[in-house]
């Protein structure tokens, strides 16, 4: 994006460095501007709420850097520990209203629902800041959470084999001005809403939407291209992942 003439900004409420932070930090360091809500690493157990990223966004938007700006907002979202992801005023859902069989399971489910409620609030606040601009926002998670949906497992991890971890939300929002200026792209987005997609192909989708030409672009991997390959297999540990199920590879 920077090479294509965009002013690039990385704003994060995740760790600055560490086991999970080193790769995102490498991307952040390539941006024109990078800011973190606080300094912490993998060993940190207490994090800031995601609303701490909003003043950083406000400050950057007020500077009005360029006609073309590309923002990455790295949130904690609804990641374990769920109870630590939202302030007290978002403690709305309670265990007695959850479906799990055991008391301790219902407690986790209520905390997760509260985290989702708060995350919705954060996403809405981000959208509000772009309503008066020619802007497109893509919101997507890197993984899902199994919150005793199968009656057994909690969280996520490399050993997981369930759809709750891999079927993740993806939302694309367009401002009124964007819809007026880019009706062709809005139509492509609308037509793609029910297609199967893997987020490792996100770069191709983004390049397509932004009309950036590069030899590395593969139209077959762009969700918004007529060439998009809907038959591409999704693979989990050498097994095919299809319709929420792991299909064992034949020996």
C-alpha atoms as a PDB file:
ATOM      1  CA  UNK A   1       0.000   0.000   0.000  1.00  0.00           C
ATOM      2  CA  UNK A   2       2.865   2.338   0.784  1.00  0.00           C
ATOM      3  CA  UNK A   3       4.489   1.559  -2.556  1.00  0.00           C
ATOM      4  CA  UNK A   4       1.178   2.369  -4.245  1.00  0.00           C
ATOM      5  CA  UNK A   5       1.188   5.887  -2.813  1.00  0.00           C
ATOM      6  CA  UNK A   6      -0.913   5.422   0.316  1.00  0.00           C
ATOM      7  CA  UNK A   7      -0.062   6.946   3.675  1.00  0.00           C
ATOM      8  CA  UNK A   8       0.033   3.855   5.882  1.00  0.00           C
ATOM      9  CA  UNK A   9      -0.923   3.773   9.562  1.00  0.00           C
ATOM     10  CA  UNK A  10      -0.716   0.887  12.056  1.00  0.00           C
ATOM     11  CA  UNK A  11      -2.617   1.308  15.338  1.00  0.00           C
ATOM     12  CA  UNK A  12      -2.552  -1.554  17.813  1.00  0.00           C
ATOM     13  CA  UNK A  13      -3.936  -2.648  21.170  1.00  0.00           C
ATOM     14  CA  UNK A  14      -1.909  -5.846  21.051  1.00  0.00           C
ATOM     15  CA  UNK A  15       1.603  -6.614  22.233  1.00  0.00           C
ATOM     16  CA  UNK A  16       4.479  -4.580  20.851  1.00  0.00           C
ATOM     17  CA  UNK A  17       6.790  -7.601  20.719  1.00  0.00           C
ATOM     18  CA  UNK A  18       6.800 -11.240  21.728  1.00  0.00           C
ATOM     19  CA  UNK A  19       5.683 -14.677  20.566  1.00  0.00           C
ATOM     20  CA  UNK A  20       2.580 -13.334  18.841  1.00  0.00           C
ATOM     21  CA  UNK A  21       3.706  -9.748  18.376  1.00  0.00           C
ATOM     22  CA  UNK A  22       6.901 -10.003  16.350  1.00  0.00           C
ATOM     23  CA  UNK A  23       5.270 -10.620  12.961  1.00  0.00           C
ATOM     24  CA  UNK A  24       2.681  -7.803  13.297  1.00  0.00           C
ATOM     25  CA  UNK A  25       5.471  -5.531  14.548  1.00  0.00           C
ATOM     26  CA  UNK A  26       7.411  -6.200  11.335  1.00  0.00           C
ATOM     27  CA  UNK A  27       4.423  -4.885   9.357  1.00  0.00           C
ATOM     28  CA  UNK A  28       3.977  -1.946  11.727  1.00  0.00           C
ATOM     29  CA  UNK A  29       7.604  -0.915  11.268  1.00  0.00           C
ATOM     30  CA  UNK A  30       7.051  -0.626   7.509  1.00  0.00           C
ATOM     31  CA  UNK A  31       4.218   1.885   7.935  1.00  0.00           C
ATOM     32  CA  UNK A  32       4.571   5.657   7.778  1.00  0.00           C
ATOM     33  CA  UNK A  33       3.036   5.857  11.221  1.00  0.00           C
ATOM     34  CA  UNK A  34       2.706   3.303  14.025  1.00  0.00           C
ATOM     35  CA  UNK A  35       1.292   3.638  17.529  1.00  0.00           C
ATOM     36  CA  UNK A  36       0.500   1.196  20.333  1.00  0.00           C
ATOM     37  CA  UNK A  37      -1.903   1.825  23.199  1.00  0.00           C
ATOM     38  CA  UNK A  38       0.660   0.633  25.705  1.00  0.00           C
ATOM     39  CA  UNK A  39       3.982  -1.198  25.926  1.00  0.00           C
ATOM     40  CA  UNK A  40       3.540  -4.879  26.704  1.00  0.00           C
ATOM     41  CA  UNK A  41       4.713  -8.289  25.506  1.00  0.00           C
ATOM     42  CA  UNK A  42       3.670 -11.942  25.544  1.00  0.00           C
ATOM     43  CA  UNK A  43       3.999 -12.194  29.338  1.00  0.00           C
ATOM     44  CA  UNK A  44       1.560  -9.350  29.972  1.00  0.00           C
ATOM     45  CA  UNK A  45      -1.653 -10.508  31.667  1.00  0.00           C
ATOM     46  CA  UNK A  46      -3.523  -7.194  31.956  1.00  0.00           C
ATOM     47  CA  UNK A  47      -4.371  -5.374  28.728  1.00  0.00           C
ATOM     48  CA  UNK A  48      -6.059  -2.106  27.883  1.00  0.00           C
ATOM     49  CA  UNK A  49      -9.616  -2.166  26.562  1.00  0.00           C
ATOM     50  CA  UNK A  50      -9.862  -1.712  22.801  1.00  0.00           C
ATOM     51  CA  UNK A  51     -11.420   1.740  23.217  1.00  0.00           C
ATOM     52  CA  UNK A  52      -7.888   2.975  23.974  1.00  0.00           C
ATOM     53  CA  UNK A  53      -7.180   2.745  20.247  1.00  0.00           C
ATOM     54  CA  UNK A  54      -9.872   5.314  19.382  1.00  0.00           C
ATOM     55  CA  UNK A  55      -7.905   8.429  20.528  1.00  0.00           C
ATOM     56  CA  UNK A  56      -4.950   7.214  18.469  1.00  0.00           C
ATOM     57  CA  UNK A  57      -7.234   6.959  15.448  1.00  0.00           C
ATOM     58  CA  UNK A  58      -8.723  10.396  16.125  1.00  0.00           C
ATOM     59  CA  UNK A  59      -5.281  11.943  16.340  1.00  0.00           C
ATOM     60  CA  UNK A  60      -4.193  10.377  13.067  1.00  0.00           C
ATOM     61  CA  UNK A  61      -7.374  11.355  11.226  1.00  0.00           C
ATOM     62  CA  UNK A  62      -7.039  14.991  12.348  1.00  0.00           C
ATOM     63  CA  UNK A  63      -3.615  15.210  10.705  1.00  0.00           C
ATOM     64  CA  UNK A  64      -5.222  14.585   7.295  1.00  0.00           C
ATOM     65  CA  UNK A  65      -2.016  13.112   5.873  1.00  0.00           C
ATOM     66  CA  UNK A  66      -2.938  12.337   2.298  1.00  0.00           C
ATOM     67  CA  UNK A  67      -5.686  11.941  -0.260  1.00  0.00           C
ATOM     68  CA  UNK A  68      -5.054   8.192   0.050  1.00  0.00           C
ATOM     69  CA  UNK A  69      -4.753   6.600   3.485  1.00  0.00           C
ATOM     70  CA  UNK A  70      -4.552   2.958   4.549  1.00  0.00           C
ATOM     71  CA  UNK A  71      -5.226   2.079   8.200  1.00  0.00           C
ATOM     72  CA  UNK A  72      -4.685  -1.163  10.091  1.00  0.00           C
ATOM     73  CA  UNK A  73      -6.408  -1.322  13.489  1.00  0.00           C
ATOM     74  CA  UNK A  74      -5.187  -4.327  15.473  1.00  0.00           C
ATOM     75  CA  UNK A  75      -7.709  -5.068  18.219  1.00  0.00           C
ATOM     76  CA  UNK A  76      -7.799  -7.628  21.016  1.00  0.00           C
ATOM     77  CA  UNK A  77     -11.458  -8.253  20.218  1.00  0.00           C
ATOM     78  CA  UNK A  78     -13.059 -11.234  21.957  1.00  0.00           C
ATOM     79  CA  UNK A  79      -9.879 -13.195  22.631  1.00  0.00           C
ATOM     80  CA  UNK A  80      -9.507 -15.171  25.857  1.00  0.00           C
ATOM     81  CA  UNK A  81      -9.601 -14.070  28.682  1.00  0.00           C
ATOM     82  CA  UNK A  82     -13.133 -12.882  27.765  1.00  0.00           C
ATOM     83  CA  UNK A  83     -13.813 -11.259  31.138  1.00  0.00           C
ATOM     84  CA  UNK A  84     -10.808  -8.968  30.620  1.00  0.00           C
ATOM     85  CA  UNK A  85     -12.019  -7.703  27.252  1.00  0.00           C
ATOM     86  CA  UNK A  86     -14.808  -5.358  28.339  1.00  0.00           C
ATOM     87  CA  UNK A  87     -15.458  -2.689  30.997  1.00  0.00           C
ATOM     88  CA  UNK A  88     -18.036  -3.146  33.754  1.00  0.00           C
ATOM     89  CA  UNK A  89     -20.806  -1.273  31.944  1.00  0.00           C
ATOM     90  CA  UNK A  90     -20.848  -3.978  29.274  1.00  0.00           C
ATOM     91  CA  UNK A  91     -21.468  -6.752  31.810  1.00  0.00           C
ATOM     92  CA  UNK A  92     -24.960  -7.373  30.436  1.00  0.00           C
ATOM     93  CA  UNK A  93     -25.287 -11.097  29.712  1.00  0.00           C
ATOM     94  CA  UNK A  94     -25.474 -13.416  32.696  1.00  0.00           C
ATOM     95  CA  UNK A  95     -24.760 -17.135  33.109  1.00  0.00           C
ATOM     96  CA  UNK A  96     -28.372 -18.090  33.831  1.00  0.00           C
ATOM     97  CA  UNK A  97     -29.349 -17.047  30.321  1.00  0.00           C
ATOM     98  CA  UNK A  98     -26.775 -19.240  28.535  1.00  0.00           C
ATOM     99  CA  UNK A  99     -27.372 -22.719  27.029  1.00  0.00           C
ATOM    100  CA  UNK A 100     -24.385 -24.780  28.255  1.00  0.00           C
ATOM    101  CA  UNK A 101     -24.913 -27.725  30.578  1.00  0.00           C
ATOM    102  CA  UNK A 102     -22.571 -26.756  33.436  1.00  0.00           C
ATOM    103  CA  UNK A 103     -22.484 -23.600  35.575  1.00  0.00           C
ATOM    104  CA  UNK A 104     -18.833 -22.848  34.824  1.00  0.00           C
ATOM    105  CA  UNK A 105     -19.491 -23.248  31.082  1.00  0.00           C
ATOM    106  CA  UNK A 106     -22.421 -20.807  31.177  1.00  0.00           C
ATOM    107  CA  UNK A 107     -20.211 -18.302  32.989  1.00  0.00           C
ATOM    108  CA  UNK A 108     -17.684 -18.362  30.145  1.00  0.00           C
ATOM    109  CA  UNK A 109     -20.461 -18.086  27.556  1.00  0.00           C
ATOM    110  CA  UNK A 110     -21.902 -14.999  29.247  1.00  0.00           C
ATOM    111  CA  UNK A 111     -18.475 -13.368  29.420  1.00  0.00           C
ATOM    112  CA  UNK A 112     -17.901 -14.139  25.752  1.00  0.00           C
ATOM    113  CA  UNK A 113     -21.262 -12.604  24.793  1.00  0.00           C
ATOM    114  CA  UNK A 114     -20.349  -9.469  26.742  1.00  0.00           C
ATOM    115  CA  UNK A 115     -17.004  -9.336  24.926  1.00  0.00           C
ATOM    116  CA  UNK A 116     -18.832  -9.591  21.591  1.00  0.00           C
ATOM    117  CA  UNK A 117     -21.210  -6.806  22.654  1.00  0.00           C
ATOM    118  CA  UNK A 118     -18.270  -4.565  23.526  1.00  0.00           C
ATOM    119  CA  UNK A 119     -16.465  -5.478  20.313  1.00  0.00           C
ATOM    120  CA  UNK A 120     -19.567  -4.453  18.346  1.00  0.00           C
ATOM    121  CA  UNK A 121     -19.421  -1.095  20.135  1.00  0.00           C
ATOM    122  CA  UNK A 122     -15.765  -0.623  19.159  1.00  0.00           C
ATOM    123  CA  UNK A 123     -16.394  -1.511  15.511  1.00  0.00           C
ATOM    124  CA  UNK A 124     -19.334   0.928  15.449  1.00  0.00           C
ATOM    125  CA  UNK A 125     -17.139   3.693  16.894  1.00  0.00           C
ATOM    126  CA  UNK A 126     -14.527   3.063  14.214  1.00  0.00           C
ATOM    127  CA  UNK A 127     -17.173   3.192  11.487  1.00  0.00           C
ATOM    128  CA  UNK A 128     -18.509   6.503  12.817  1.00  0.00           C
ATOM    129  CA  UNK A 129     -15.101   8.066  12.242  1.00  0.00           C
ATOM    130  CA  UNK A 130     -15.234   7.271   8.516  1.00  0.00           C
ATOM    131  CA  UNK A 131     -18.879   8.022   7.772  1.00  0.00           C
ATOM    132  CA  UNK A 132     -18.084  11.414   6.222  1.00  0.00           C
ATOM    133  CA  UNK A 133     -15.203  10.083   4.101  1.00  0.00           C
ATOM    134  CA  UNK A 134     -14.724   8.181   0.856  1.00  0.00           C
ATOM    135  CA  UNK A 135     -13.959   5.053   2.844  1.00  0.00           C
ATOM    136  CA  UNK A 136     -14.215   1.287   2.905  1.00  0.00           C
ATOM    137  CA  UNK A 137     -13.700  -0.769   6.069  1.00  0.00           C
ATOM    138  CA  UNK A 138     -12.967  -4.492   6.211  1.00  0.00           C
ATOM    139  CA  UNK A 139     -13.429  -6.133   9.603  1.00  0.00           C
ATOM    140  CA  UNK A 140     -12.253  -9.714  10.015  1.00  0.00           C
ATOM    141  CA  UNK A 141     -11.062 -11.988  12.818  1.00  0.00           C
ATOM    142  CA  UNK A 142      -7.980 -14.188  12.603  1.00  0.00           C
ATOM    143  CA  UNK A 143      -9.769 -17.085  14.296  1.00  0.00           C
ATOM    144  CA  UNK A 144     -12.962 -17.989  16.095  1.00  0.00           C
ATOM    145  CA  UNK A 145     -13.633 -19.332  19.565  1.00  0.00           C
ATOM    146  CA  UNK A 146     -15.296 -22.542  20.700  1.00  0.00           C
ATOM    147  CA  UNK A 147     -17.118 -21.519  23.878  1.00  0.00           C
ATOM    148  CA  UNK A 148     -18.400 -24.966  24.814  1.00  0.00           C
ATOM    149  CA  UNK A 149     -20.435 -24.942  21.614  1.00  0.00           C
ATOM    150  CA  UNK A 150     -19.623 -28.632  21.347  1.00  0.00           C
ATOM    151  CA  UNK A 151     -20.104 -29.107  25.094  1.00  0.00           C
ATOM    152  CA  UNK A 152     -16.393 -29.817  25.633  1.00  0.00           C
ATOM    153  CA  UNK A 153     -13.881 -27.248  24.371  1.00  0.00           C
ATOM    154  CA  UNK A 154     -13.056 -23.643  25.284  1.00  0.00           C
ATOM    155  CA  UNK A 155     -11.020 -21.159  23.274  1.00  0.00           C
ATOM    156  CA  UNK A 156      -8.885 -21.972  20.242  1.00  0.00           C
ATOM    157  CA  UNK A 157      -5.635 -23.661  19.378  1.00  0.00           C
ATOM    158  CA  UNK A 158      -3.703 -25.758  16.909  1.00  0.00           C
ATOM    159  CA  UNK A 159      -5.363 -28.933  18.136  1.00  0.00           C
ATOM    160  CA  UNK A 160      -8.867 -27.690  17.398  1.00  0.00           C
ATOM    161  CA  UNK A 161     -10.929 -29.418  14.737  1.00  0.00           C
ATOM    162  CA  UNK A 162     -14.231 -27.577  14.925  1.00  0.00           C
ATOM    163  CA  UNK A 163     -16.051 -25.057  12.767  1.00  0.00           C
ATOM    164  CA  UNK A 164     -16.316 -22.506  15.577  1.00  0.00           C
ATOM    165  CA  UNK A 165     -12.586 -21.854  15.344  1.00  0.00           C
ATOM    166  CA  UNK A 166     -12.400 -21.645  11.547  1.00  0.00           C
ATOM    167  CA  UNK A 167     -15.706 -20.161  10.422  1.00  0.00           C
ATOM    168  CA  UNK A 168     -14.969 -16.519  11.231  1.00  0.00           C
ATOM    169  CA  UNK A 169     -16.859 -13.233  10.773  1.00  0.00           C
ATOM    170  CA  UNK A 170     -15.996 -10.861   7.960  1.00  0.00           C
ATOM    171  CA  UNK A 171     -17.783  -7.550   7.457  1.00  0.00           C
ATOM    172  CA  UNK A 172     -17.266  -4.988   4.699  1.00  0.00           C
ATOM    173  CA  UNK A 173     -18.706  -1.517   5.270  1.00  0.00           C
ATOM    174  CA  UNK A 174     -18.830   1.263   2.679  1.00  0.00           C
ATOM    175  CA  UNK A 175     -19.512   4.922   3.401  1.00  0.00           C
ATOM    176  CA  UNK A 176     -22.211   6.793   1.502  1.00  0.00           C
ATOM    177  CA  UNK A 177     -19.553   8.700  -0.415  1.00  0.00           C
ATOM    178  CA  UNK A 178     -17.760   5.476  -1.320  1.00  0.00           C
ATOM    179  CA  UNK A 179     -21.006   3.989  -2.638  1.00  0.00           C
ATOM    180  CA  UNK A 180     -21.564   7.048  -4.817  1.00  0.00           C
ATOM    181  CA  UNK A 181     -18.000   7.157  -6.146  1.00  0.00           C
ATOM    182  CA  UNK A 182     -17.371   3.431  -6.574  1.00  0.00           C
ATOM    183  CA  UNK A 183     -20.654   1.780  -7.482  1.00  0.00           C
ATOM    184  CA  UNK A 184     -18.811  -0.891  -9.481  1.00  0.00           C
ATOM    185  CA  UNK A 185     -16.892  -2.022  -6.402  1.00  0.00           C
ATOM    186  CA  UNK A 186     -20.005  -1.962  -4.230  1.00  0.00           C
ATOM    187  CA  UNK A 187     -21.696  -4.284  -6.716  1.00  0.00           C
ATOM    188  CA  UNK A 188     -18.718  -6.661  -6.633  1.00  0.00           C
ATOM    189  CA  UNK A 189     -18.764  -6.713  -2.832  1.00  0.00           C
ATOM    190  CA  UNK A 190     -22.487  -7.426  -2.750  1.00  0.00           C
ATOM    191  CA  UNK A 191     -22.161 -10.268  -5.253  1.00  0.00           C
ATOM    192  CA  UNK A 192     -19.383 -11.884  -3.206  1.00  0.00           C
ATOM    193  CA  UNK A 193     -21.138 -12.024   0.162  1.00  0.00           C
ATOM    194  CA  UNK A 194     -22.011 -15.745   0.027  1.00  0.00           C
ATOM    195  CA  UNK A 195     -18.817 -17.044  -1.578  1.00  0.00           C
ATOM    196  CA  UNK A 196     -16.340 -19.290   0.310  1.00  0.00           C
ATOM    197  CA  UNK A 197     -13.163 -17.439   1.216  1.00  0.00           C
ATOM    198  CA  UNK A 198      -9.904 -17.934   3.094  1.00  0.00           C
ATOM    199  CA  UNK A 199      -8.200 -14.989   4.755  1.00  0.00           C
ATOM    200  CA  UNK A 200      -4.757 -16.040   3.498  1.00  0.00           C
ATOM    201  CA  UNK A 201      -6.066 -14.651   0.182  1.00  0.00           C
ATOM    202  CA  UNK A 202      -6.968 -11.290   1.721  1.00  0.00           C
ATOM    203  CA  UNK A 203      -4.090  -9.479   0.012  1.00  0.00           C
ATOM    204  CA  UNK A 204      -5.452 -10.424  -3.421  1.00  0.00           C
ATOM    205  CA  UNK A 205      -8.936  -9.236  -2.485  1.00  0.00           C
ATOM    206  CA  UNK A 206      -7.610  -5.929  -1.149  1.00  0.00           C
ATOM    207  CA  UNK A 207      -5.404  -5.308  -4.179  1.00  0.00           C
ATOM    208  CA  UNK A 208      -8.413  -5.963  -6.402  1.00  0.00           C
ATOM    209  CA  UNK A 209     -10.659  -3.531  -4.513  1.00  0.00           C
ATOM    210  CA  UNK A 210      -7.959  -0.849  -4.506  1.00  0.00           C
ATOM    211  CA  UNK A 211      -7.184  -1.446  -8.198  1.00  0.00           C
ATOM    212  CA  UNK A 212      -3.478  -1.812  -7.505  1.00  0.00           C
ATOM    213  CA  UNK A 213      -1.557  -3.492 -10.304  1.00  0.00           C
ATOM    214  CA  UNK A 214       1.275  -5.850  -9.363  1.00  0.00           C
ATOM    215  CA  UNK A 215       2.712  -9.062 -10.872  1.00  0.00           C
ATOM    216  CA  UNK A 216       1.971 -10.808  -7.559  1.00  0.00           C
ATOM    217  CA  UNK A 217      -1.795 -10.299  -7.882  1.00  0.00           C
ATOM    218  CA  UNK A 218      -3.751 -13.491  -8.671  1.00  0.00           C
ATOM    219  CA  UNK A 219      -7.331 -12.795  -9.760  1.00  0.00           C
ATOM    220  CA  UNK A 220      -8.296 -16.400  -9.033  1.00  0.00           C
ATOM    221  CA  UNK A 221      -7.686 -15.694  -5.345  1.00  0.00           C
ATOM    222  CA  UNK A 222      -9.637 -12.435  -5.179  1.00  0.00           C
ATOM    223  CA  UNK A 223     -13.117 -12.719  -3.733  1.00  0.00           C
ATOM    224  CA  UNK A 224     -14.211  -9.801  -5.918  1.00  0.00           C
ATOM    225  CA  UNK A 225     -12.951 -11.048  -9.269  1.00  0.00           C
ATOM    226  CA  UNK A 226     -14.897 -12.848 -11.977  1.00  0.00           C
ATOM    227  CA  UNK A 227     -11.957 -15.281 -12.019  1.00  0.00           C
ATOM    228  CA  UNK A 228     -12.335 -16.200  -8.336  1.00  0.00           C
ATOM    229  CA  UNK A 229     -11.843 -19.940  -7.833  1.00  0.00           C
ATOM    230  CA  UNK A 230     -14.667 -21.117  -5.574  1.00  0.00           C
ATOM    231  CA  UNK A 231     -13.466 -24.728  -5.882  1.00  0.00           C
ATOM    232  CA  UNK A 232     -10.167 -24.138  -4.094  1.00  0.00           C
ATOM    233  CA  UNK A 233      -9.774 -26.673  -1.313  1.00  0.00           C
ATOM    234  CA  UNK A 234      -9.380 -25.514   2.256  1.00  0.00           C
ATOM    235  CA  UNK A 235      -6.827 -27.664   4.034  1.00  0.00           C
ATOM    236  CA  UNK A 236      -6.359 -28.330   7.751  1.00  0.00           C
ATOM    237  CA  UNK A 237      -3.310 -30.452   8.679  1.00  0.00           C
ATOM    238  CA  UNK A 238      -3.300 -32.248   5.309  1.00  0.00           C
ATOM    239  CA  UNK A 239      -7.051 -32.880   5.558  1.00  0.00           C
ATOM    240  CA  UNK A 240      -9.744 -31.068   3.608  1.00  0.00           C
ATOM    241  CA  UNK A 241     -11.949 -28.655   5.549  1.00  0.00           C
ATOM    242  CA  UNK A 242     -15.417 -28.443   3.989  1.00  0.00           C
ATOM    243  CA  UNK A 243     -18.781 -27.231   5.279  1.00  0.00           C
ATOM    244  CA  UNK A 244     -17.527 -27.082   8.848  1.00  0.00           C
ATOM    245  CA  UNK A 245     -16.124 -30.609   8.835  1.00  0.00           C
ATOM    246  CA  UNK A 246     -12.629 -32.100   8.662  1.00  0.00           C
ATOM    247  CA  UNK A 247     -12.520 -34.690   5.889  1.00  0.00           C
ATOM    248  CA  UNK A 248      -9.653 -37.168   6.531  1.00  0.00           C
ATOM    249  CA  UNK A 249      -7.245 -37.567   3.640  1.00  0.00           C
ATOM    250  CA  UNK A 250      -7.254 -40.964   1.974  1.00  0.00           C
ATOM    251  CA  UNK A 251      -4.144 -43.059   2.587  1.00  0.00           C
END
